[in-house]
Amino acid sequence: MTPKPRKAEKKVAYDQKLCKFLDEYSQILVASVDNVGSNQLQSIRRGLHGDSVVLMGKNTMKKRSIRMHAEKIGNNAFLSLINCLVGNVGLIFTKGDLKEVSEDVAKVDEVFSFSCDDLCIHHIMN
């Protein structure tokens, strides 16, 4: 039986995953997910086929990782994303069209609590 990863190891893995997504995907939707259940999030993940990824997690971890990654690569465009990380939010990384992705999310689950008005949309130029 393998031992469970410690908190520090989980944080490093999360940081690496977020940095990989920031490098790989050029567009990010910041979605408010208040009153959204885990089953709804899972159906949205399934509905977003290969060109999009949903990332949830602690805002402080996201902010820290984004800040460190922006300093490391010298791209300050990522820092504007930090202001949107308030409340219960998730990041949807995509290579596709932002409008299509937000429509796909709305189609997957009609009771999903965010609309296009709730989205903070960032187009990150690498």
N, C-alpha and C. Protein backbone atom coordinates (compact mmCIF):
# COMPACT_ATOMS: atom_id res chain seq x y z
N MET A 1 0.84 -1.18 0.00
CA MET A 1 0.00 0.00 0.00
C MET A 1 0.88 1.24 0.00
N THR A 2 0.62 2.14 -0.92
CA THR A 2 1.42 3.35 -0.99
C THR A 2 0.94 4.39 0.02
N PRO A 3 1.86 5.13 0.61
CA PRO A 3 1.46 6.14 1.59
C PRO A 3 0.78 7.32 0.92
N LYS A 4 -0.10 7.98 1.66
CA LYS A 4 -0.80 9.15 1.14
C LYS A 4 0.19 10.31 0.99
N PRO A 5 0.05 11.11 -0.06
CA PRO A 5 0.94 12.27 -0.19
C PRO A 5 0.68 13.29 0.91
N ARG A 6 1.74 13.91 1.36
CA ARG A 6 1.62 14.93 2.39
C ARG A 6 1.10 16.22 1.78
N LYS A 7 0.72 17.16 2.66
CA LYS A 7 0.18 18.43 2.19
C LYS A 7 1.15 19.16 1.29
N ALA A 8 2.41 19.21 1.67
CA ALA A 8 3.42 19.91 0.87
C ALA A 8 3.53 19.30 -0.52
N GLU A 9 3.47 17.98 -0.60
CA GLU A 9 3.55 17.31 -1.90
C GLU A 9 2.33 17.62 -2.75
N LYS A 10 1.15 17.70 -2.13
CA LYS A 10 -0.06 18.04 -2.86
C LYS A 10 0.02 19.47 -3.40
N LYS A 11 0.57 20.38 -2.60
CA LYS A 11 0.69 21.77 -3.04
C LYS A 11 1.65 21.90 -4.21
N VAL A 12 2.74 21.16 -4.17
CA VAL A 12 3.70 21.18 -5.28
C VAL A 12 3.06 20.63 -6.54
N ALA A 13 2.31 19.53 -6.41
CA ALA A 13 1.64 18.93 -7.57
C ALA A 13 0.60 19.89 -8.15
N TYR A 14 -0.16 20.58 -7.29
CA TYR A 14 -1.16 21.54 -7.74
C TYR A 14 -0.48 22.70 -8.47
N ASP A 15 0.61 23.19 -7.91
CA ASP A 15 1.37 24.29 -8.52
C ASP A 15 1.87 23.89 -9.90
N GLN A 16 2.41 22.70 -10.03
CA GLN A 16 2.91 22.22 -11.32
C GLN A 16 1.78 22.09 -12.34
N LYS A 17 0.63 21.59 -11.87
CA LYS A 17 -0.52 21.44 -12.77
C LYS A 17 -1.01 22.79 -13.27
N LEU A 18 -1.14 23.77 -12.36
CA LEU A 18 -1.60 25.10 -12.75
C LEU A 18 -0.62 25.77 -13.70
N CYS A 19 0.67 25.67 -13.41
CA CYS A 19 1.69 26.27 -14.30
C CYS A 19 1.67 25.62 -15.67
N LYS A 20 1.46 24.30 -15.71
CA LYS A 20 1.38 23.60 -17.00
C LYS A 20 0.18 24.11 -17.80
N PHE A 21 -0.96 24.29 -17.13
CA PHE A 21 -2.15 24.80 -17.81
C PHE A 21 -1.93 26.23 -18.30
N LEU A 22 -1.28 27.06 -17.49
CA LEU A 22 -1.01 28.45 -17.89
C LEU A 22 -0.13 28.49 -19.14
N ASP A 23 0.81 27.56 -19.24
CA ASP A 23 1.69 27.51 -20.42
C ASP A 23 0.99 26.92 -21.63
N GLU A 24 0.15 25.92 -21.40
CA GLU A 24 -0.45 25.15 -22.49
C GLU A 24 -1.67 25.83 -23.11
N TYR A 25 -2.50 26.45 -22.28
CA TYR A 25 -3.76 27.03 -22.77
C TYR A 25 -3.63 28.54 -22.87
N SER A 26 -4.22 29.12 -23.91
CA SER A 26 -4.07 30.55 -24.15
C SER A 26 -5.24 31.39 -23.63
N GLN A 27 -6.33 30.74 -23.26
CA GLN A 27 -7.51 31.48 -22.82
C GLN A 27 -8.05 30.86 -21.53
N ILE A 28 -8.56 31.74 -20.66
CA ILE A 28 -9.04 31.28 -19.36
C ILE A 28 -10.37 31.92 -19.06
N LEU A 29 -11.34 31.11 -18.65
CA LEU A 29 -12.60 31.61 -18.13
C LEU A 29 -12.55 31.46 -16.62
N VAL A 30 -12.90 32.51 -15.90
CA VAL A 30 -13.00 32.44 -14.45
C VAL A 30 -14.48 32.39 -14.14
N ALA A 31 -14.94 31.27 -13.59
CA ALA A 31 -16.36 31.04 -13.41
C ALA A 31 -16.72 30.99 -11.94
N SER A 32 -17.75 31.73 -11.57
CA SER A 32 -18.28 31.67 -10.21
C SER A 32 -19.08 30.39 -10.08
N VAL A 33 -18.79 29.61 -9.06
CA VAL A 33 -19.45 28.32 -8.91
C VAL A 33 -20.21 28.22 -7.58
N ASP A 34 -20.77 29.32 -7.14
CA ASP A 34 -21.62 29.30 -5.96
C ASP A 34 -22.86 28.47 -6.26
N ASN A 35 -23.31 27.69 -5.30
CA ASN A 35 -24.51 26.85 -5.42
C ASN A 35 -24.42 25.83 -6.55
N VAL A 36 -23.21 25.37 -6.85
CA VAL A 36 -23.02 24.35 -7.87
C VAL A 36 -22.52 23.09 -7.17
N GLY A 37 -23.21 21.99 -7.39
CA GLY A 37 -22.84 20.74 -6.75
C GLY A 37 -21.73 20.02 -7.48
N SER A 38 -21.16 19.04 -6.80
CA SER A 38 -20.06 18.28 -7.39
C SER A 38 -20.51 17.49 -8.62
N ASN A 39 -21.76 17.01 -8.61
CA ASN A 39 -22.27 16.29 -9.78
C ASN A 39 -22.39 17.21 -10.99
N GLN A 40 -22.80 18.45 -10.75
CA GLN A 40 -22.88 19.42 -11.84
C GLN A 40 -21.49 19.72 -12.40
N LEU A 41 -20.52 19.91 -11.51
CA LEU A 41 -19.15 20.17 -11.98
C LEU A 41 -18.62 18.99 -12.78
N GLN A 42 -18.91 17.78 -12.33
CA GLN A 42 -18.44 16.60 -13.04
C GLN A 42 -19.08 16.50 -14.42
N SER A 43 -20.36 16.82 -14.54
CA SER A 43 -21.00 16.77 -15.86
C SER A 43 -20.44 17.85 -16.78
N ILE A 44 -20.04 18.97 -16.21
CA ILE A 44 -19.43 20.03 -17.02
C ILE A 44 -18.05 19.59 -17.49
N ARG A 45 -17.29 18.96 -16.61
CA ARG A 45 -15.97 18.44 -17.01
C ARG A 45 -16.11 17.45 -18.15
N ARG A 46 -17.11 16.58 -18.06
CA ARG A 46 -17.34 15.60 -19.12
C ARG A 46 -17.78 16.27 -20.42
N GLY A 47 -18.57 17.35 -20.29
CA GLY A 47 -19.09 18.04 -21.47
C GLY A 47 -18.05 18.84 -22.21
N LEU A 48 -17.02 19.25 -21.52
CA LEU A 48 -15.94 20.01 -22.17
C LEU A 48 -14.93 19.00 -22.70
N HIS A 49 -15.03 18.72 -23.96
CA HIS A 49 -14.17 17.72 -24.56
C HIS A 49 -12.73 18.22 -24.62
N GLY A 50 -11.83 17.46 -25.12
CA GLY A 50 -10.39 17.63 -25.07
C GLY A 50 -9.77 19.00 -25.12
N ASP A 51 -10.47 20.03 -25.60
CA ASP A 51 -9.81 21.33 -25.74
C ASP A 51 -9.98 22.23 -24.52
N SER A 52 -10.62 21.76 -23.45
CA SER A 52 -10.83 22.57 -22.26
C SER A 52 -10.65 21.73 -20.99
N VAL A 53 -10.20 22.42 -19.93
CA VAL A 53 -9.96 21.77 -18.64
C VAL A 53 -10.50 22.67 -17.54
N VAL A 54 -11.18 22.07 -16.54
CA VAL A 54 -11.67 22.81 -15.39
C VAL A 54 -10.71 22.56 -14.22
N LEU A 55 -10.32 23.65 -13.55
CA LEU A 55 -9.44 23.53 -12.39
C LEU A 55 -10.07 24.26 -11.22
N MET A 56 -10.28 23.51 -10.15
CA MET A 56 -10.81 24.07 -8.91
C MET A 56 -9.69 24.03 -7.89
N GLY A 57 -9.86 24.76 -6.80
CA GLY A 57 -8.87 24.72 -5.73
C GLY A 57 -8.95 25.97 -4.89
N LYS A 58 -8.07 26.04 -3.93
CA LYS A 58 -8.02 27.18 -3.03
C LYS A 58 -7.52 28.42 -3.77
N ASN A 59 -8.21 29.55 -3.55
CA ASN A 59 -7.82 30.78 -4.22
C ASN A 59 -6.40 31.21 -3.83
N THR A 60 -6.03 31.01 -2.57
CA THR A 60 -4.69 31.41 -2.15
C THR A 60 -3.63 30.60 -2.88
N MET A 61 -3.89 29.33 -3.11
CA MET A 61 -2.94 28.50 -3.87
C MET A 61 -2.88 28.96 -5.33
N LYS A 62 -4.04 29.26 -5.90
CA LYS A 62 -4.07 29.72 -7.28
C LYS A 62 -3.30 31.04 -7.42
N LYS A 63 -3.57 31.99 -6.50
CA LYS A 63 -2.91 33.29 -6.56
C LYS A 63 -1.40 33.14 -6.41
N ARG A 64 -0.98 32.33 -5.46
CA ARG A 64 0.45 32.13 -5.22
C ARG A 64 1.11 31.53 -6.45
N SER A 65 0.50 30.50 -7.02
CA SER A 65 1.08 29.83 -8.18
C SER A 65 1.14 30.77 -9.39
N ILE A 66 0.07 31.54 -9.60
CA ILE A 66 0.04 32.47 -10.73
C ILE A 66 1.11 33.54 -10.56
N ARG A 67 1.21 34.08 -9.34
CA ARG A 67 2.21 35.12 -9.07
C ARG A 67 3.64 34.60 -9.31
N MET A 68 3.92 33.42 -8.79
CA MET A 68 5.26 32.84 -8.96
C MET A 68 5.54 32.51 -10.42
N HIS A 69 4.55 31.99 -11.12
CA HIS A 69 4.73 31.64 -12.54
C HIS A 69 4.95 32.89 -13.39
N ALA A 70 4.20 33.96 -13.09
CA ALA A 70 4.36 35.21 -13.84
C ALA A 70 5.77 35.78 -13.65
N GLU A 71 6.27 35.72 -12.42
CA GLU A 71 7.62 36.20 -12.16
C GLU A 71 8.66 35.34 -12.87
N LYS A 72 8.43 34.03 -12.85
CA LYS A 72 9.40 33.10 -13.44
C LYS A 72 9.54 33.29 -14.94
N ILE A 73 8.40 33.46 -15.64
CA ILE A 73 8.47 33.58 -17.10
C ILE A 73 8.46 35.03 -17.58
N GLY A 74 8.20 35.97 -16.67
CA GLY A 74 8.22 37.38 -17.03
C GLY A 74 6.99 37.86 -17.77
N ASN A 75 5.88 37.16 -17.66
CA ASN A 75 4.63 37.56 -18.31
C ASN A 75 3.69 38.12 -17.26
N ASN A 76 3.60 39.44 -17.17
CA ASN A 76 2.76 40.08 -16.16
C ASN A 76 1.28 40.07 -16.53
N ALA A 77 0.92 39.58 -17.71
CA ALA A 77 -0.49 39.47 -18.10
C ALA A 77 -1.24 38.53 -17.17
N PHE A 78 -0.54 37.54 -16.64
CA PHE A 78 -1.17 36.60 -15.72
C PHE A 78 -1.61 37.27 -14.42
N LEU A 79 -0.92 38.33 -14.02
CA LEU A 79 -1.23 38.98 -12.75
C LEU A 79 -2.62 39.60 -12.72
N SER A 80 -3.16 39.99 -13.88
CA SER A 80 -4.51 40.54 -13.92
C SER A 80 -5.56 39.49 -13.56
N LEU A 81 -5.20 38.23 -13.70
CA LEU A 81 -6.09 37.14 -13.36
C LEU A 81 -6.33 37.04 -11.85
N ILE A 82 -5.36 37.47 -11.07
CA ILE A 82 -5.45 37.37 -9.61
C ILE A 82 -6.63 38.16 -9.06
N ASN A 83 -6.94 39.30 -9.65
CA ASN A 83 -8.06 40.13 -9.17
C ASN A 83 -9.41 39.44 -9.31
N CYS A 84 -9.51 38.48 -10.22
CA CYS A 84 -10.78 37.77 -10.44
C CYS A 84 -10.96 36.59 -9.48
N LEU A 85 -9.93 36.23 -8.76
CA LEU A 85 -10.01 35.07 -7.88
C LEU A 85 -10.54 35.46 -6.51
N VAL A 86 -11.83 35.77 -6.48
CA VAL A 86 -12.51 36.17 -5.25
C VAL A 86 -13.76 35.31 -5.13
N GLY A 87 -13.95 34.72 -3.98
CA GLY A 87 -15.13 33.88 -3.76
C GLY A 87 -14.91 32.48 -4.28
N ASN A 88 -15.99 31.79 -4.50
CA ASN A 88 -15.96 30.41 -4.94
C ASN A 88 -15.88 30.37 -6.47
N VAL A 89 -14.66 30.31 -6.99
CA VAL A 89 -14.46 30.36 -8.44
C VAL A 89 -13.63 29.18 -8.92
N GLY A 90 -13.83 28.85 -10.17
CA GLY A 90 -13.04 27.83 -10.83
C GLY A 90 -12.47 28.40 -12.11
N LEU A 91 -11.38 27.81 -12.57
CA LEU A 91 -10.74 28.25 -13.81
C LEU A 91 -11.03 27.23 -14.90
N ILE A 92 -11.48 27.72 -16.04
CA ILE A 92 -11.69 26.85 -17.20
C ILE A 92 -10.66 27.27 -18.25
N PHE A 93 -9.68 26.42 -18.46
CA PHE A 93 -8.64 26.68 -19.45
C PHE A 93 -9.09 26.11 -20.77
N THR A 94 -8.90 26.86 -21.86
CA THR A 94 -9.37 26.39 -23.16
C THR A 94 -8.44 26.83 -24.28
N LYS A 95 -8.45 26.05 -25.33
CA LYS A 95 -7.77 26.41 -26.57
C LYS A 95 -8.80 26.82 -27.62
N GLY A 96 -10.06 26.55 -27.33
CA GLY A 96 -11.15 26.83 -28.26
C GLY A 96 -11.68 28.25 -28.11
N ASP A 97 -12.80 28.49 -28.75
CA ASP A 97 -13.46 29.79 -28.69
C ASP A 97 -14.13 29.97 -27.33
N LEU A 98 -13.90 31.11 -26.70
CA LEU A 98 -14.44 31.37 -25.36
C LEU A 98 -15.96 31.33 -25.34
N LYS A 99 -16.58 31.89 -26.36
CA LYS A 99 -18.04 31.92 -26.42
C LYS A 99 -18.60 30.51 -26.53
N GLU A 100 -17.98 29.69 -27.37
CA GLU A 100 -18.44 28.31 -27.53
C GLU A 100 -18.30 27.53 -26.23
N VAL A 101 -17.20 27.74 -25.53
CA VAL A 101 -16.98 27.02 -24.27
C VAL A 101 -18.03 27.41 -23.24
N SER A 102 -18.31 28.72 -23.12
CA SER A 102 -19.32 29.14 -22.15
C SER A 102 -20.70 28.63 -22.54
N GLU A 103 -21.00 28.54 -23.84
CA GLU A 103 -22.27 27.97 -24.29
C GLU A 103 -22.32 26.47 -24.01
N ASP A 104 -21.18 25.78 -24.20
CA ASP A 104 -21.13 24.34 -23.91
C ASP A 104 -21.39 24.09 -22.43
N VAL A 105 -20.83 24.93 -21.58
CA VAL A 105 -21.04 24.79 -20.14
C VAL A 105 -22.52 24.99 -19.82
N ALA A 106 -23.14 25.98 -20.43
CA ALA A 106 -24.56 26.24 -20.18
C ALA A 106 -25.43 25.10 -20.70
N LYS A 107 -25.04 24.48 -21.83
CA LYS A 107 -25.80 23.37 -22.39
C LYS A 107 -25.73 22.12 -21.53
N VAL A 108 -24.57 21.88 -20.95
CA VAL A 108 -24.36 20.66 -20.18
C VAL A 108 -25.29 20.60 -18.99
N ASP A 109 -25.45 21.71 -18.31
CA ASP A 109 -26.29 21.70 -17.12
C ASP A 109 -27.07 23.00 -17.07
N GLU A 110 -28.37 22.91 -17.31
CA GLU A 110 -29.20 24.10 -17.41
C GLU A 110 -29.31 24.87 -16.10
N VAL A 111 -29.09 24.20 -14.98
CA VAL A 111 -29.20 24.88 -13.70
C VAL A 111 -27.84 25.37 -13.20
N PHE A 112 -26.83 25.31 -14.03
CA PHE A 112 -25.51 25.77 -13.62
C PHE A 112 -25.60 27.25 -13.30
N SER A 113 -25.03 27.66 -12.20
CA SER A 113 -25.34 28.95 -11.62
C SER A 113 -24.65 30.15 -12.25
N PHE A 114 -23.73 29.97 -13.19
CA PHE A 114 -23.17 31.18 -13.75
C PHE A 114 -23.61 31.37 -15.19
N SER A 115 -23.73 32.62 -15.55
CA SER A 115 -24.04 32.97 -16.93
C SER A 115 -22.84 33.72 -17.47
N CYS A 116 -22.95 34.17 -18.69
CA CYS A 116 -21.84 34.90 -19.29
C CYS A 116 -21.54 36.19 -18.51
N ASP A 117 -22.54 36.74 -17.82
CA ASP A 117 -22.32 37.96 -17.04
C ASP A 117 -21.41 37.70 -15.85
N ASP A 118 -21.40 36.46 -15.35
CA ASP A 118 -20.60 36.13 -14.18
C ASP A 118 -19.18 35.74 -14.53
N LEU A 119 -18.88 35.63 -15.81
CA LEU A 119 -17.57 35.17 -16.21
C LEU A 119 -16.59 36.33 -16.33
N CYS A 120 -15.44 36.15 -15.76
CA CYS A 120 -14.34 37.09 -15.93
C CYS A 120 -13.43 36.44 -16.97
N ILE A 121 -13.41 36.96 -18.18
CA ILE A 121 -12.74 36.29 -19.29
C ILE A 121 -11.37 36.93 -19.53
N HIS A 122 -10.37 36.08 -19.59
CA HIS A 122 -9.02 36.55 -19.85
C HIS A 122 -8.46 35.84 -21.06
N HIS A 123 -7.89 36.62 -21.95
CA HIS A 123 -7.18 36.07 -23.08
C HIS A 123 -5.71 36.36 -22.80
N ILE A 124 -4.94 35.33 -22.55
CA ILE A 124 -3.55 35.49 -22.16
C ILE A 124 -2.68 35.28 -23.39
N MET A 125 -1.88 36.28 -23.67
CA MET A 125 -0.95 36.18 -24.80
C MET A 125 0.39 35.66 -24.27
N ASN A 126 0.85 34.54 -24.78
CA ASN A 126 2.15 33.99 -24.35
C ASN A 126 3.27 34.58 -25.16
